[in-house]
Amino acid sequence: MPAGTIHLGTGLDLAAAALTSWHCFNRMIGQLYHCLQHRKLFDEDTAFPTALVAAA
């Protein structure tokens, strides 16, 4: 690979990363919508718990 170029991986790697990002975005939008419908405050820690909290 020539100096100064960036290797982005295969097309499948990029597609998987894009789908993961899209899934996370859709999940957050759904949670925000739920909070608006039920007049509740959005809590990021509840919406996206860390691995340590999720394992407990």
Protein backbone atom coordinates (compact mmCIF):
# COMPACT_ATOMS: atom_id res chain seq x y z
CA MET A 1 0.00 0.00 0.00
CA PRO A 2 1.47 3.42 -0.91
CA ALA A 3 2.48 5.74 1.90
CA GLY A 4 -0.22 8.18 2.95
CA THR A 5 -3.17 6.00 1.97
CA ILE A 6 -5.81 4.78 4.36
CA HIS A 7 -7.13 1.23 4.19
CA LEU A 8 -10.84 1.17 4.96
CA GLY A 9 -11.33 -2.59 4.87
CA THR A 10 -13.62 -4.54 2.61
CA GLY A 11 -16.97 -3.38 1.40
CA LEU A 12 -18.57 -5.84 3.80
CA ASP A 13 -16.72 -4.30 6.75
CA LEU A 14 -18.02 -0.87 5.81
CA ALA A 15 -21.55 -2.16 5.28
CA ALA A 16 -21.57 -3.87 8.68
CA ALA A 17 -20.30 -0.71 10.37
CA ALA A 18 -22.94 1.38 8.60
CA LEU A 19 -25.72 -0.99 9.66
CA THR A 20 -24.51 -0.92 13.27
CA SER A 21 -24.48 2.88 13.27
CA TRP A 22 -27.92 3.01 11.66
CA HIS A 23 -29.30 0.56 14.24
CA CYS A 24 -27.97 2.66 17.14
CA PHE A 25 -29.40 5.83 15.61
CA ASN A 26 -32.83 4.25 15.09
CA ARG A 27 -32.79 2.91 18.65
CA MET A 28 -32.04 6.36 20.07
CA ILE A 29 -34.75 8.01 17.94
CA GLY A 30 -37.27 5.40 19.13
CA GLN A 31 -36.35 6.03 22.75
CA LEU A 32 -36.61 9.80 22.33
CA TYR A 33 -40.01 9.36 20.68
CA HIS A 34 -41.19 7.22 23.61
CA CYS A 35 -40.03 9.87 26.08
CA LEU A 36 -41.89 12.59 24.19
CA GLN A 37 -45.08 10.52 24.00
CA HIS A 38 -45.03 9.74 27.72
CA ARG A 39 -43.66 13.12 28.87
CA LYS A 40 -40.60 11.57 30.46
CA LEU A 41 -37.06 12.86 30.53
CA PHE A 42 -34.57 11.03 28.32
CA ASP A 43 -31.90 9.35 30.46
CA GLU A 44 -28.85 8.38 28.44
CA ASP A 45 -27.61 6.01 31.16
CA THR A 46 -30.88 4.08 31.04
CA ALA A 47 -31.07 4.14 27.25
CA PHE A 48 -27.47 3.02 26.68
CA PRO A 49 -26.20 1.23 29.79
CA THR A 50 -22.51 0.45 30.02
CA ALA A 51 -21.36 -3.16 29.79
CA LEU A 52 -20.66 -3.21 33.53
CA VAL A 53 -24.21 -2.14 34.42
CA ALA A 54 -25.76 -4.47 31.83
CA ALA A 55 -23.83 -7.44 33.25
CA ALA A 56 -24.97 -6.76 36.82
